[in-house]
Amino acid sequence: MEYSANVKGLDFEYMANLYLTSGGYCSVSTHTYANQFDANKNEMENFVNGIVKAEKRGTDVVEIKVAPPPPMAPKKSK
């Protein structure tokens, strides 16, 4: 997906790839100044198209058996 936006007087061009599967959602996006879009377009396409599907591994359970730190004392106002 490509789109343009003007943010506080600056023109930007955006490029994004959005993925939705039964396992979840992912979005990868990049942007550049509009006047530099043609020069950066190939690199931007390579970046947003660089995601590849990975096989989901079995469920790994990690147990952390460390107590959290105690709460911090409130700061006294001056």
C-alpha atoms as a PDB file:
ATOM      1  CA  MET A   1       0.000   0.000   0.000  1.00  0.00           C
ATOM      2  CA  GLU A   2       1.326   3.455  -0.864  1.00  0.00           C
ATOM      3  CA  TYR A   3      -0.070   6.746   0.367  1.00  0.00           C
ATOM      4  CA  SER A   4       0.908  10.384   0.763  1.00  0.00           C
ATOM      5  CA  ALA A   5       0.457  12.714   3.716  1.00  0.00           C
ATOM      6  CA  ASN A   6       1.207  16.286   4.619  1.00  0.00           C
ATOM      7  CA  VAL A   7       2.326  16.514   8.231  1.00  0.00           C
ATOM      8  CA  LYS A   8       2.779  19.999   9.640  1.00  0.00           C
ATOM      9  CA  GLY A   9       3.593  21.368   6.189  1.00  0.00           C
ATOM     10  CA  LEU A  10       5.981  18.546   5.188  1.00  0.00           C
ATOM     11  CA  ASP A  11       5.039  16.156   2.387  1.00  0.00           C
ATOM     12  CA  PHE A  12       5.728  12.456   3.030  1.00  0.00           C
ATOM     13  CA  GLU A  13       5.277   9.295   0.981  1.00  0.00           C
ATOM     14  CA  TYR A  14       4.507   6.080   2.857  1.00  0.00           C
ATOM     15  CA  MET A  15       4.723   2.450   1.797  1.00  0.00           C
ATOM     16  CA  ALA A  16       3.367  -0.438   3.849  1.00  0.00           C
ATOM     17  CA  ASN A  17       2.605  -4.153   3.744  1.00  0.00           C
ATOM     18  CA  LEU A  18      -0.153  -5.485   5.972  1.00  0.00           C
ATOM     19  CA  TYR A  19      -0.508  -9.162   6.825  1.00  0.00           C
ATOM     20  CA  LEU A  20      -3.441 -10.859   8.499  1.00  0.00           C
ATOM     21  CA  THR A  21      -3.545 -14.589   9.149  1.00  0.00           C
ATOM     22  CA  SER A  22      -5.319 -16.836  11.597  1.00  0.00           C
ATOM     23  CA  GLY A  23      -2.178 -16.551  13.738  1.00  0.00           C
ATOM     24  CA  GLY A  24      -2.213 -12.755  13.995  1.00  0.00           C
ATOM     25  CA  TYR A  25      -1.569  -9.432  12.329  1.00  0.00           C
ATOM     26  CA  CYS A  26       1.615  -7.681  11.214  1.00  0.00           C
ATOM     27  CA  SER A  27       2.265  -4.339   9.580  1.00  0.00           C
ATOM     28  CA  VAL A  28       5.565  -3.128   8.153  1.00  0.00           C
ATOM     29  CA  SER A  29       5.772   0.456   6.965  1.00  0.00           C
ATOM     30  CA  THR A  30       8.343   2.998   5.916  1.00  0.00           C
ATOM     31  CA  HIS A  31       8.273   6.629   4.867  1.00  0.00           C
ATOM     32  CA  THR A  32      10.404   9.308   3.228  1.00  0.00           C
ATOM     33  CA  TYR A  33      10.106  12.926   2.189  1.00  0.00           C
ATOM     34  CA  ALA A  34       7.982  13.195  -0.954  1.00  0.00           C
ATOM     35  CA  ASN A  35      10.809  14.821  -2.911  1.00  0.00           C
ATOM     36  CA  GLN A  36      13.069  11.806  -2.157  1.00  0.00           C
ATOM     37  CA  PHE A  37      10.513   9.067  -2.864  1.00  0.00           C
ATOM     38  CA  ASP A  38      11.728   8.140  -6.363  1.00  0.00           C
ATOM     39  CA  ALA A  39      15.321   7.825  -5.113  1.00  0.00           C
ATOM     40  CA  ASN A  40      14.279   5.683  -2.123  1.00  0.00           C
ATOM     41  CA  LYS A  41      11.451   3.628  -3.667  1.00  0.00           C
ATOM     42  CA  ASN A  42      13.462   0.441  -4.417  1.00  0.00           C
ATOM     43  CA  GLU A  43      14.980   0.326  -0.946  1.00  0.00           C
ATOM     44  CA  MET A  44      11.589   0.945   0.637  1.00  0.00           C
ATOM     45  CA  GLU A  45       9.998  -1.866  -1.424  1.00  0.00           C
ATOM     46  CA  ASN A  46      12.770  -4.273  -0.436  1.00  0.00           C
ATOM     47  CA  PHE A  47      12.225  -3.403   3.217  1.00  0.00           C
ATOM     48  CA  VAL A  48       8.438  -3.808   3.328  1.00  0.00           C
ATOM     49  CA  ASN A  49       8.522  -6.942   1.161  1.00  0.00           C
ATOM     50  CA  GLY A  50      11.297  -8.554   3.187  1.00  0.00           C
ATOM     51  CA  ILE A  51       9.047 -10.441   5.590  1.00  0.00           C
ATOM     52  CA  VAL A  52       8.817 -14.151   4.953  1.00  0.00           C
ATOM     53  CA  LYS A  53       6.487 -16.647   6.544  1.00  0.00           C
ATOM     54  CA  ALA A  54       8.096 -18.652   9.327  1.00  0.00           C
ATOM     55  CA  GLU A  55       6.760 -21.915  10.632  1.00  0.00           C
ATOM     56  CA  LYS A  56       5.306 -21.675  14.104  1.00  0.00           C
ATOM     57  CA  ARG A  57       7.262 -23.707  16.599  1.00  0.00           C
ATOM     58  CA  GLY A  58       5.674 -25.719  19.363  1.00  0.00           C
ATOM     59  CA  THR A  59       4.630 -23.825  22.430  1.00  0.00           C
ATOM     60  CA  ASP A  60       7.576 -22.993  24.616  1.00  0.00           C
ATOM     61  CA  VAL A  61       6.873 -22.124  28.217  1.00  0.00           C
ATOM     62  CA  VAL A  62       9.399 -20.037  30.073  1.00  0.00           C
ATOM     63  CA  GLU A  63       9.076 -19.734  33.820  1.00  0.00           C
ATOM     64  CA  ILE A  64      10.811 -16.906  35.601  1.00  0.00           C
ATOM     65  CA  LYS A  65      11.165 -17.553  39.288  1.00  0.00           C
ATOM     66  CA  VAL A  66      12.490 -14.215  40.463  1.00  0.00           C
ATOM     67  CA  ALA A  67      10.540 -11.988  42.788  1.00  0.00           C
ATOM     68  CA  PRO A  68       9.812  -8.505  41.466  1.00  0.00           C
ATOM     69  CA  PRO A  69      11.607  -5.598  43.130  1.00  0.00           C
ATOM     70  CA  PRO A  70       9.839  -3.912  46.043  1.00  0.00           C
ATOM     71  CA  PRO A  71       7.797  -0.820  45.306  1.00  0.00           C
ATOM     72  CA  MET A  72       9.629   2.493  45.295  1.00  0.00           C
ATOM     73  CA  ALA A  73       9.010   4.920  48.128  1.00  0.00           C
ATOM     74  CA  PRO A  74       7.019   7.965  47.056  1.00  0.00           C
ATOM     75  CA  LYS A  75       9.079  11.079  46.392  1.00  0.00           C
ATOM     76  CA  LYS A  76       8.631  13.857  48.911  1.00  0.00           C
ATOM     77  CA  SER A  77       7.599  17.179  47.454  1.00  0.00           C
ATOM     78  CA  LYS A  78       9.864  20.148  48.095  1.00  0.00           C
END
